[in-house]
Amino acid sequence: MKSSEAEFLAIAAYEASVREVMTAPKPGLVDSEGSGCHDDMDCALFLKSARALAPFWIRQARAGLDGTPPELAAARLRAAGVEMERAMAEATGGVNTHKGLVYLMSLLLYGAGYALFSGAPRSAEAAAGFAALAVRGAVERELGALLAGPPRRALTNGERLYVEHGVTGVRGEAERGFPSVINAGLPALRRALESGASFNDAGLAALLSIMLVCEDSNVMHRAGYEYWRGEYLVLAAAALRRFRAPSWNRAPLYELERKFMERRVSPGGAADLLSCTYFLHIFSSR
């Protein structure tokens, strides 16, 4: 039973990563129709990266299924995560295709596995909740110290955004229990599917919904914090209002793509959370 569940979770994670890149059109992002704002990657490279990561997902699922306590899980997940980043780099020639997803999906695999181990409901909420326990206090430990004084090195993009604007990024998303997925992406995906949308179009509705609520450091890095909190959210909201049942006309997404191309905007954080949305949908629907 445990072995079959581990295999199911690993396959679900791989499927989610493939579905994400194949979902199209995703404004500014790599998908099956093009490379968006990226000159160094395309759909084939993402699929190659997803395949390189696939053998590792089962290890992250087993961390939860084996009953690893939440306070010990992060170290176990991190050890495999280092190997995964190395495999990704070898597959892509050093291009960062899935680094954020390695972090987020590893936590959700643990959370889903631990939910099954503990007898909790087979739900997205349970998986995200246990994932959050594995990184409880991470924002304060890893970012909070920066407020006391800068380190003797250059700040990373994520660290700079935290110091200047309080942006917690993927760490905060995970520690809060994946609210962008649980409260936005997953409900939007399910509503769209119930209305008769294709899985692709339901994914696009989920992506736009996630874009409205997640702290996307990729967007902030490329176009600036003020753009993210202003024009970016206005544009995403306008596209979501127009992309709806019953027609699911994709014209608003192509218009958004053109606007994003002008600023080289790529909502990569939202894309990673779309993969997470797909995974939790698959997990909770079994």
C-alpha atoms as a PDB file:
ATOM      1  CA  MET A   1       0.000   0.000   0.000  1.00  0.00           C
ATOM      2  CA  LYS A   2       2.732   2.453   1.015  1.00  0.00           C
ATOM      3  CA  SER A   3       4.760   1.581  -2.087  1.00  0.00           C
ATOM      4  CA  SER A   4       1.805   2.087  -4.427  1.00  0.00           C
ATOM      5  CA  GLU A   5       0.952   5.423  -2.809  1.00  0.00           C
ATOM      6  CA  ALA A   6       4.557   6.591  -3.145  1.00  0.00           C
ATOM      7  CA  GLU A   7       4.516   5.710  -6.827  1.00  0.00           C
ATOM      8  CA  PHE A   8       1.163   7.440  -7.304  1.00  0.00           C
ATOM      9  CA  LEU A   9       2.396  10.642  -5.648  1.00  0.00           C
ATOM     10  CA  ALA A  10       5.616  10.654  -7.665  1.00  0.00           C
ATOM     11  CA  ILE A  11       3.741  10.160 -10.929  1.00  0.00           C
ATOM     12  CA  ALA A  12       1.291  12.894  -9.936  1.00  0.00           C
ATOM     13  CA  ALA A  13       4.162  15.313  -9.332  1.00  0.00           C
ATOM     14  CA  TYR A  14       5.687  14.506 -12.716  1.00  0.00           C
ATOM     15  CA  GLU A  15       2.312  14.831 -14.438  1.00  0.00           C
ATOM     16  CA  ALA A  16       1.723  18.179 -12.756  1.00  0.00           C
ATOM     17  CA  SER A  17       5.077  19.543 -13.947  1.00  0.00           C
ATOM     18  CA  VAL A  18       4.399  18.407 -17.519  1.00  0.00           C
ATOM     19  CA  ARG A  19       0.837  19.718 -17.522  1.00  0.00           C
ATOM     20  CA  GLU A  20       2.070  23.115 -16.351  1.00  0.00           C
ATOM     21  CA  VAL A  21       4.487  23.660 -19.216  1.00  0.00           C
ATOM     22  CA  MET A  22       2.018  22.297 -21.771  1.00  0.00           C
ATOM     23  CA  THR A  23      -0.791  24.589 -20.580  1.00  0.00           C
ATOM     24  CA  ALA A  24      -1.120  27.382 -23.144  1.00  0.00           C
ATOM     25  CA  PRO A  25      -1.181  30.248 -23.743  1.00  0.00           C
ATOM     26  CA  LYS A  26       0.480  31.334 -20.490  1.00  0.00           C
ATOM     27  CA  PRO A  27       1.349  35.048 -20.759  1.00  0.00           C
ATOM     28  CA  GLY A  28       5.092  35.662 -20.611  1.00  0.00           C
ATOM     29  CA  LEU A  29       5.863  32.046 -19.790  1.00  0.00           C
ATOM     30  CA  VAL A  30       7.281  29.042 -21.597  1.00  0.00           C
ATOM     31  CA  ASP A  31       4.528  26.793 -22.911  1.00  0.00           C
ATOM     32  CA  SER A  32       3.659  24.537 -25.822  1.00  0.00           C
ATOM     33  CA  GLU A  33       3.159  27.578 -28.076  1.00  0.00           C
ATOM     34  CA  GLY A  34       6.385  29.461 -27.403  1.00  0.00           C
ATOM     35  CA  SER A  35       9.061  30.666 -25.010  1.00  0.00           C
ATOM     36  CA  GLY A  36       7.337  33.783 -23.714  1.00  0.00           C
ATOM     37  CA  CYS A  37       9.868  36.268 -22.405  1.00  0.00           C
ATOM     38  CA  HIS A  38      12.670  33.717 -22.205  1.00  0.00           C
ATOM     39  CA  ASP A  39      15.551  33.514 -24.647  1.00  0.00           C
ATOM     40  CA  ASP A  40      17.339  30.647 -22.893  1.00  0.00           C
ATOM     41  CA  MET A  41      14.584  28.045 -22.588  1.00  0.00           C
ATOM     42  CA  ASP A  42      11.700  26.461 -24.443  1.00  0.00           C
ATOM     43  CA  CYS A  43       9.065  23.795 -23.956  1.00  0.00           C
ATOM     44  CA  ALA A  44      11.409  20.960 -24.914  1.00  0.00           C
ATOM     45  CA  LEU A  45      13.942  22.056 -22.295  1.00  0.00           C
ATOM     46  CA  PHE A  46      11.231  22.142 -19.603  1.00  0.00           C
ATOM     47  CA  LEU A  47      10.115  18.647 -20.541  1.00  0.00           C
ATOM     48  CA  LYS A  48      13.718  17.459 -20.397  1.00  0.00           C
ATOM     49  CA  SER A  49      14.093  19.049 -16.975  1.00  0.00           C
ATOM     50  CA  ALA A  50      10.842  17.485 -15.740  1.00  0.00           C
ATOM     51  CA  ARG A  51      12.053  14.078 -16.853  1.00  0.00           C
ATOM     52  CA  ALA A  52      15.371  14.551 -15.052  1.00  0.00           C
ATOM     53  CA  LEU A  53      13.557  15.387 -11.813  1.00  0.00           C
ATOM     54  CA  ALA A  54      10.980  12.593 -12.073  1.00  0.00           C
ATOM     55  CA  PRO A  55      13.022   9.803 -10.392  1.00  0.00           C
ATOM     56  CA  PHE A  56      13.507  11.911  -7.257  1.00  0.00           C
ATOM     57  CA  TRP A  57       9.888  12.698  -6.445  1.00  0.00           C
ATOM     58  CA  ILE A  58       9.275   9.287  -4.914  1.00  0.00           C
ATOM     59  CA  ARG A  59      11.936   9.983  -2.277  1.00  0.00           C
ATOM     60  CA  GLN A  60      10.154  13.147  -1.196  1.00  0.00           C
ATOM     61  CA  ALA A  61       6.831  11.306  -1.020  1.00  0.00           C
ATOM     62  CA  ARG A  62       8.362   8.541   1.095  1.00  0.00           C
ATOM     63  CA  ALA A  63       9.578  11.111   3.613  1.00  0.00           C
ATOM     64  CA  GLY A  64       5.943  11.713   4.468  1.00  0.00           C
ATOM     65  CA  LEU A  65       4.677   8.166   4.048  1.00  0.00           C
ATOM     66  CA  ASP A  66       7.424   6.922   6.384  1.00  0.00           C
ATOM     67  CA  GLY A  67       6.136   9.240   9.093  1.00  0.00           C
ATOM     68  CA  THR A  68       9.135  11.576   9.278  1.00  0.00           C
ATOM     69  CA  PRO A  69       8.133  14.164  11.922  1.00  0.00           C
ATOM     70  CA  PRO A  70       7.534  17.633  10.456  1.00  0.00           C
ATOM     71  CA  GLU A  71      10.386  19.147  12.459  1.00  0.00           C
ATOM     72  CA  LEU A  72      12.816  16.687  10.830  1.00  0.00           C
ATOM     73  CA  ALA A  73      11.346  16.658   7.343  1.00  0.00           C
ATOM     74  CA  ALA A  74      12.993  19.773   5.916  1.00  0.00           C
ATOM     75  CA  ALA A  75      16.512  18.387   6.332  1.00  0.00           C
ATOM     76  CA  ARG A  76      15.549  15.122   4.644  1.00  0.00           C
ATOM     77  CA  LEU A  77      13.830  16.904   1.776  1.00  0.00           C
ATOM     78  CA  ARG A  78      16.726  19.316   1.371  1.00  0.00           C
ATOM     79  CA  ALA A  79      19.240  16.503   0.924  1.00  0.00           C
ATOM     80  CA  ALA A  80      17.308  15.125  -2.038  1.00  0.00           C
ATOM     81  CA  GLY A  81      16.625  18.651  -3.266  1.00  0.00           C
ATOM     82  CA  VAL A  82      20.342  19.320  -3.687  1.00  0.00           C
ATOM     83  CA  GLU A  83      20.612  16.238  -5.892  1.00  0.00           C
ATOM     84  CA  MET A  84      17.569  17.341  -7.857  1.00  0.00           C
ATOM     85  CA  GLU A  85      19.006  20.760  -8.581  1.00  0.00           C
ATOM     86  CA  ARG A  86      22.191  19.096  -9.771  1.00  0.00           C
ATOM     87  CA  ALA A  87      20.224  16.770 -12.068  1.00  0.00           C
ATOM     88  CA  MET A  88      18.249  19.725 -13.400  1.00  0.00           C
ATOM     89  CA  ALA A  89      21.422  21.672 -14.160  1.00  0.00           C
ATOM     90  CA  GLU A  90      22.947  18.707 -15.963  1.00  0.00           C
ATOM     91  CA  ALA A  91      19.818  18.211 -18.048  1.00  0.00           C
ATOM     92  CA  THR A  92      19.422  21.871 -19.003  1.00  0.00           C
ATOM     93  CA  GLY A  93      23.018  23.005 -19.311  1.00  0.00           C
ATOM     94  CA  GLY A  94      22.738  25.125 -16.202  1.00  0.00           C
ATOM     95  CA  VAL A  95      19.404  26.800 -16.985  1.00  0.00           C
ATOM     96  CA  ASN A  96      17.095  27.218 -13.973  1.00  0.00           C
ATOM     97  CA  THR A  97      13.864  25.669 -15.151  1.00  0.00           C
ATOM     98  CA  HIS A  98      12.424  24.195 -11.945  1.00  0.00           C
ATOM     99  CA  LYS A  99      14.365  25.347  -8.877  1.00  0.00           C
ATOM    100  CA  GLY A 100      11.322  26.915  -7.249  1.00  0.00           C
ATOM    101  CA  LEU A 101       9.214  23.874  -8.038  1.00  0.00           C
ATOM    102  CA  VAL A 102      11.757  21.522  -6.469  1.00  0.00           C
ATOM    103  CA  TYR A 103      11.251  23.368  -3.178  1.00  0.00           C
ATOM    104  CA  LEU A 104       7.467  23.655  -3.347  1.00  0.00           C
ATOM    105  CA  MET A 105       6.633  20.245  -4.784  1.00  0.00           C
ATOM    106  CA  SER A 106       8.990  18.464  -2.391  1.00  0.00           C
ATOM    107  CA  LEU A 107       7.072  19.979   0.509  1.00  0.00           C
ATOM    108  CA  LEU A 108       3.697  19.039  -0.948  1.00  0.00           C
ATOM    109  CA  LEU A 109       4.821  15.481  -1.615  1.00  0.00           C
ATOM    110  CA  TYR A 110       5.894  15.243   1.996  1.00  0.00           C
ATOM    111  CA  GLY A 111       2.631  16.796   3.138  1.00  0.00           C
ATOM    112  CA  ALA A 112       0.518  14.461   1.022  1.00  0.00           C
ATOM    113  CA  GLY A 113       2.502  11.456   2.199  1.00  0.00           C
ATOM    114  CA  TYR A 114       2.264  12.492   5.832  1.00  0.00           C
ATOM    115  CA  ALA A 115      -1.479  13.036   5.517  1.00  0.00           C
ATOM    116  CA  LEU A 116      -1.838   9.449   4.337  1.00  0.00           C
ATOM    117  CA  PHE A 117       0.512   8.192   7.069  1.00  0.00           C
ATOM    118  CA  SER A 118      -1.397   9.981   9.811  1.00  0.00           C
ATOM    119  CA  GLY A 119      -4.858   9.009   8.628  1.00  0.00           C
ATOM    120  CA  ALA A 120      -5.839  12.593   7.882  1.00  0.00           C
ATOM    121  CA  PRO A 121      -8.372  13.295   5.107  1.00  0.00           C
ATOM    122  CA  ARG A 122      -7.072  12.819   1.586  1.00  0.00           C
ATOM    123  CA  SER A 123      -7.432  16.521   0.845  1.00  0.00           C
ATOM    124  CA  ALA A 124      -5.446  19.384  -0.578  1.00  0.00           C
ATOM    125  CA  GLU A 125      -5.842  21.231   2.706  1.00  0.00           C
ATOM    126  CA  ALA A 126      -4.339  18.388   4.726  1.00  0.00           C
ATOM    127  CA  ALA A 127      -1.366  18.001   2.377  1.00  0.00           C
ATOM    128  CA  ALA A 128      -0.667  21.745   2.364  1.00  0.00           C
ATOM    129  CA  GLY A 129      -1.072  21.936   6.126  1.00  0.00           C
ATOM    130  CA  PHE A 130       1.492  19.233   6.834  1.00  0.00           C
ATOM    131  CA  ALA A 131       3.815  20.772   4.248  1.00  0.00           C
ATOM    132  CA  ALA A 132       3.590  24.052   6.145  1.00  0.00           C
ATOM    133  CA  LEU A 133       4.519  22.351   9.421  1.00  0.00           C
ATOM    134  CA  ALA A 134       7.754  21.143   7.829  1.00  0.00           C
ATOM    135  CA  VAL A 135       8.905  24.740   7.280  1.00  0.00           C
ATOM    136  CA  ARG A 136       7.365  26.388  10.319  1.00  0.00           C
ATOM    137  CA  GLY A 137       9.498  29.375  11.311  1.00  0.00           C
ATOM    138  CA  ALA A 138      11.510  29.322   8.066  1.00  0.00           C
ATOM    139  CA  VAL A 139      10.797  32.947   7.178  1.00  0.00           C
ATOM    140  CA  GLU A 140      12.035  34.183  10.535  1.00  0.00           C
ATOM    141  CA  ARG A 141      15.064  31.887  10.551  1.00  0.00           C
ATOM    142  CA  GLU A 142      16.154  32.473   6.965  1.00  0.00           C
ATOM    143  CA  LEU A 143      15.021  36.034   6.313  1.00  0.00           C
ATOM    144  CA  GLY A 144      14.292  37.682   9.645  1.00  0.00           C
ATOM    145  CA  ALA A 145      17.946  37.958  10.591  1.00  0.00           C
ATOM    146  CA  LEU A 146      18.523  40.214   7.591  1.00  0.00           C
ATOM    147  CA  LEU A 147      16.602  43.000   9.309  1.00  0.00           C
ATOM    148  CA  ALA A 148      19.168  43.126  12.111  1.00  0.00           C
ATOM    149  CA  GLY A 149      21.974  43.820   9.677  1.00  0.00           C
ATOM    150  CA  PRO A 150      22.998  42.894   6.127  1.00  0.00           C
ATOM    151  CA  PRO A 151      25.242  39.848   5.613  1.00  0.00           C
ATOM    152  CA  ARG A 152      28.821  40.214   4.401  1.00  0.00           C
ATOM    153  CA  ARG A 153      27.840  39.347   0.860  1.00  0.00           C
ATOM    154  CA  ALA A 154      25.495  40.582  -1.820  1.00  0.00           C
ATOM    155  CA  LEU A 155      21.828  39.959  -1.109  1.00  0.00           C
ATOM    156  CA  THR A 156      19.937  37.571  -3.338  1.00  0.00           C
ATOM    157  CA  ASN A 157      16.932  38.932  -5.205  1.00  0.00           C
ATOM    158  CA  GLY A 158      14.592  37.293  -2.708  1.00  0.00           C
ATOM    159  CA  GLU A 159      16.500  38.663   0.280  1.00  0.00           C
ATOM    160  CA  ARG A 160      16.509  42.170  -1.152  1.00  0.00           C
ATOM    161  CA  LEU A 161      12.760  42.070  -1.713  1.00  0.00           C
ATOM    162  CA  TYR A 162      12.230  40.953   1.869  1.00  0.00           C
ATOM    163  CA  VAL A 163      14.427  43.686   3.339  1.00  0.00           C
ATOM    164  CA  GLU A 164      12.958  46.441   1.168  1.00  0.00           C
ATOM    165  CA  HIS A 165       9.310  45.393   0.951  1.00  0.00           C
ATOM    166  CA  GLY A 166       8.669  42.496   3.341  1.00  0.00           C
ATOM    167  CA  VAL A 167       8.123  40.049   0.488  1.00  0.00           C
ATOM    168  CA  THR A 168       8.456  36.476   1.764  1.00  0.00           C
ATOM    169  CA  GLY A 169       8.086  34.735  -1.618  1.00  0.00           C
ATOM    170  CA  VAL A 170       8.051  30.948  -1.816  1.00  0.00           C
ATOM    171  CA  ARG A 171       9.118  30.589   1.821  1.00  0.00           C
ATOM    172  CA  GLY A 172       6.121  32.542   3.000  1.00  0.00           C
ATOM    173  CA  GLU A 173       3.795  30.765   0.594  1.00  0.00           C
ATOM    174  CA  ALA A 174       4.860  27.381   1.942  1.00  0.00           C
ATOM    175  CA  GLU A 175       4.874  28.407   5.609  1.00  0.00           C
ATOM    176  CA  ARG A 176       1.351  29.833   5.323  1.00  0.00           C
ATOM    177  CA  GLY A 177       0.045  26.565   3.876  1.00  0.00           C
ATOM    178  CA  PHE A 178       0.007  27.443   0.166  1.00  0.00           C
ATOM    179  CA  PRO A 179      -2.852  29.972   0.322  1.00  0.00           C
ATOM    180  CA  SER A 180      -2.438  30.988  -3.321  1.00  0.00           C
ATOM    181  CA  VAL A 181      -3.203  27.398  -4.284  1.00  0.00           C
ATOM    182  CA  ILE A 182      -5.776  26.449  -1.651  1.00  0.00           C
ATOM    183  CA  ASN A 183      -7.775  29.695  -1.767  1.00  0.00           C
ATOM    184  CA  ALA A 184      -7.305  30.758  -5.394  1.00  0.00           C
ATOM    185  CA  GLY A 185      -5.769  28.303  -7.851  1.00  0.00           C
ATOM    186  CA  LEU A 186      -7.532  25.109  -6.835  1.00  0.00           C
ATOM    187  CA  PRO A 187     -11.038  26.623  -6.494  1.00  0.00           C
ATOM    188  CA  ALA A 188     -10.625  28.314  -9.884  1.00  0.00           C
ATOM    189  CA  LEU A 189      -9.481  25.051 -11.502  1.00  0.00           C
ATOM    190  CA  ARG A 190     -12.402  23.113 -10.057  1.00  0.00           C
ATOM    191  CA  ARG A 191     -15.004  25.762 -10.941  1.00  0.00           C
ATOM    192  CA  ALA A 192     -13.781  25.868 -14.517  1.00  0.00           C
ATOM    193  CA  LEU A 193     -13.805  22.072 -14.857  1.00  0.00           C
ATOM    194  CA  GLU A 194     -17.320  21.935 -13.424  1.00  0.00           C
ATOM    195  CA  SER A 195     -18.434  24.514 -15.994  1.00  0.00           C
ATOM    196  CA  GLY A 196     -17.228  22.284 -18.826  1.00  0.00           C
ATOM    197  CA  ALA A 197     -13.826  23.855 -19.522  1.00  0.00           C
ATOM    198  CA  SER A 198     -11.008  21.740 -20.880  1.00  0.00           C
ATOM    199  CA  PHE A 199      -8.223  20.922 -18.434  1.00  0.00           C
ATOM    200  CA  ASN A 200      -6.005  23.369 -20.324  1.00  0.00           C
ATOM    201  CA  ASP A 201      -8.462  26.244 -19.999  1.00  0.00           C
ATOM    202  CA  ALA A 202      -9.201  25.392 -16.381  1.00  0.00           C
ATOM    203  CA  GLY A 203      -5.461  25.605 -15.779  1.00  0.00           C
ATOM    204  CA  LEU A 204      -5.338  29.031 -17.380  1.00  0.00           C
ATOM    205  CA  ALA A 205      -8.157  30.222 -15.115  1.00  0.00           C
ATOM    206  CA  ALA A 206      -6.217  28.865 -12.153  1.00  0.00           C
ATOM    207  CA  LEU A 207      -3.032  30.596 -13.296  1.00  0.00           C
ATOM    208  CA  LEU A 208      -4.699  34.001 -13.592  1.00  0.00           C
ATOM    209  CA  SER A 209      -6.307  33.537 -10.177  1.00  0.00           C
ATOM    210  CA  ILE A 210      -2.935  32.678  -8.637  1.00  0.00           C
ATOM    211  CA  MET A 211      -1.309  35.688 -10.290  1.00  0.00           C
ATOM    212  CA  LEU A 212      -3.706  37.974  -8.438  1.00  0.00           C
ATOM    213  CA  VAL A 213      -2.687  36.767  -4.980  1.00  0.00           C
ATOM    214  CA  CYS A 214       0.849  35.330  -4.970  1.00  0.00           C
ATOM    215  CA  GLU A 215       4.007  37.295  -4.251  1.00  0.00           C
ATOM    216  CA  ASP A 216       5.782  36.621  -7.518  1.00  0.00           C
ATOM    217  CA  SER A 217       9.422  37.536  -7.052  1.00  0.00           C
ATOM    218  CA  ASN A 218      10.109  36.721 -10.711  1.00  0.00           C
ATOM    219  CA  VAL A 219       7.821  39.551 -11.775  1.00  0.00           C
ATOM    220  CA  MET A 220       9.285  41.903  -9.175  1.00  0.00           C
ATOM    221  CA  HIS A 221      12.826  41.110 -10.256  1.00  0.00           C
ATOM    222  CA  ARG A 222      12.100  41.666 -13.932  1.00  0.00           C
ATOM    223  CA  ALA A 223       9.775  44.666 -13.793  1.00  0.00           C
ATOM    224  CA  GLY A 224      10.039  46.058 -10.263  1.00  0.00           C
ATOM    225  CA  TYR A 225       7.989  45.865  -7.078  1.00  0.00           C
ATOM    226  CA  GLU A 226       5.826  48.880  -7.961  1.00  0.00           C
ATOM    227  CA  TYR A 227       4.906  47.353 -11.313  1.00  0.00           C
ATOM    228  CA  TRP A 228       3.927  44.085  -9.601  1.00  0.00           C
ATOM    229  CA  ARG A 229       1.669  45.726  -7.022  1.00  0.00           C
ATOM    230  CA  GLY A 230       0.138  48.082  -9.590  1.00  0.00           C
ATOM    231  CA  GLU A 231      -0.129  47.555 -13.329  1.00  0.00           C
ATOM    232  CA  TYR A 232       0.577  43.824 -13.217  1.00  0.00           C
ATOM    233  CA  LEU A 233      -2.363  43.080 -10.923  1.00  0.00           C
ATOM    234  CA  VAL A 234      -4.670  45.366 -12.910  1.00  0.00           C
ATOM    235  CA  LEU A 235      -3.787  43.594 -16.166  1.00  0.00           C
ATOM    236  CA  ALA A 236      -4.176  40.114 -14.667  1.00  0.00           C
ATOM    237  CA  ALA A 237      -7.556  40.985 -13.138  1.00  0.00           C
ATOM    238  CA  ALA A 238      -8.812  42.364 -16.450  1.00  0.00           C
ATOM    239  CA  ALA A 239      -7.764  39.206 -18.282  1.00  0.00           C
ATOM    240  CA  LEU A 240      -9.442  36.978 -15.699  1.00  0.00           C
ATOM    241  CA  ARG A 241     -12.731  38.902 -15.953  1.00  0.00           C
ATOM    242  CA  ARG A 242     -12.831  38.289 -19.696  1.00  0.00           C
ATOM    243  CA  PHE A 243     -11.578  34.696 -19.726  1.00  0.00           C
ATOM    244  CA  ARG A 244     -14.651  32.790 -18.576  1.00  0.00           C
ATOM    245  CA  ALA A 245     -17.371  30.296 -19.399  1.00  0.00           C
ATOM    246  CA  PRO A 246     -18.939  29.392 -21.672  1.00  0.00           C
ATOM    247  CA  SER A 247     -16.639  30.477 -24.501  1.00  0.00           C
ATOM    248  CA  TRP A 248     -13.277  30.531 -22.703  1.00  0.00           C
ATOM    249  CA  ASN A 249     -12.070  32.905 -25.411  1.00  0.00           C
ATOM    250  CA  ARG A 250      -8.274  33.056 -25.143  1.00  0.00           C
ATOM    251  CA  ALA A 251      -7.953  36.498 -26.740  1.00  0.00           C
ATOM    252  CA  PRO A 252      -7.420  38.205 -23.336  1.00  0.00           C
ATOM    253  CA  LEU A 253      -4.466  35.904 -22.658  1.00  0.00           C
ATOM    254  CA  TYR A 254      -2.802  36.743 -25.958  1.00  0.00           C
ATOM    255  CA  GLU A 255      -3.341  40.439 -25.249  1.00  0.00           C
ATOM    256  CA  LEU A 256      -1.757  40.000 -21.826  1.00  0.00           C
ATOM    257  CA  GLU A 257       1.153  38.183 -23.442  1.00  0.00           C
ATOM    258  CA  ARG A 258       1.829  41.163 -25.703  1.00  0.00           C
ATOM    259  CA  LYS A 259       1.803  43.548 -22.744  1.00  0.00           C
ATOM    260  CA  PHE A 260       4.110  41.301 -20.733  1.00  0.00           C
ATOM    261  CA  MET A 261       6.521  41.001 -23.652  1.00  0.00           C
ATOM    262  CA  GLU A 262       6.957  44.782 -23.638  1.00  0.00           C
ATOM    263  CA  ARG A 263       8.325  44.602 -20.085  1.00  0.00           C
ATOM    264  CA  ARG A 264       9.832  41.099 -20.306  1.00  0.00           C
ATOM    265  CA  VAL A 265       7.481  40.023 -17.514  1.00  0.00           C
ATOM    266  CA  SER A 266       7.394  36.331 -16.684  1.00  0.00           C
ATOM    267  CA  PRO A 267       5.205  35.198 -13.753  1.00  0.00           C
ATOM    268  CA  GLY A 268       7.363  32.181 -12.969  1.00  0.00           C
ATOM    269  CA  GLY A 269       6.278  32.026  -9.348  1.00  0.00           C
ATOM    270  CA  ALA A 270       2.648  31.694 -10.404  1.00  0.00           C
ATOM    271  CA  ALA A 271       3.638  28.978 -12.880  1.00  0.00           C
ATOM    272  CA  ASP A 272       5.249  26.922 -10.102  1.00  0.00           C
ATOM    273  CA  LEU A 273       2.087  27.302  -8.041  1.00  0.00           C
ATOM    274  CA  LEU A 274       0.020  26.155 -11.023  1.00  0.00           C
ATOM    275  CA  SER A 275       2.042  22.926 -10.955  1.00  0.00           C
ATOM    276  CA  CYS A 276       1.243  22.678  -7.252  1.00  0.00           C
ATOM    277  CA  THR A 277      -2.434  23.236  -8.023  1.00  0.00           C
ATOM    278  CA  TYR A 278      -2.411  20.422 -10.551  1.00  0.00           C
ATOM    279  CA  PHE A 279      -0.665  18.111  -8.077  1.00  0.00           C
ATOM    280  CA  LEU A 280      -3.104  18.760  -5.235  1.00  0.00           C
ATOM    281  CA  HIS A 281      -6.047  18.318  -7.592  1.00  0.00           C
ATOM    282  CA  ILE A 282      -4.721  14.931  -8.717  1.00  0.00           C
ATOM    283  CA  PHE A 283      -3.930  13.890  -5.138  1.00  0.00           C
ATOM    284  CA  SER A 284      -7.300  14.834  -3.687  1.00  0.00           C
ATOM    285  CA  SER A 285      -9.295  13.432  -6.619  1.00  0.00           C
ATOM    286  CA  ARG A 286      -8.052   9.854  -6.355  1.00  0.00           C
END
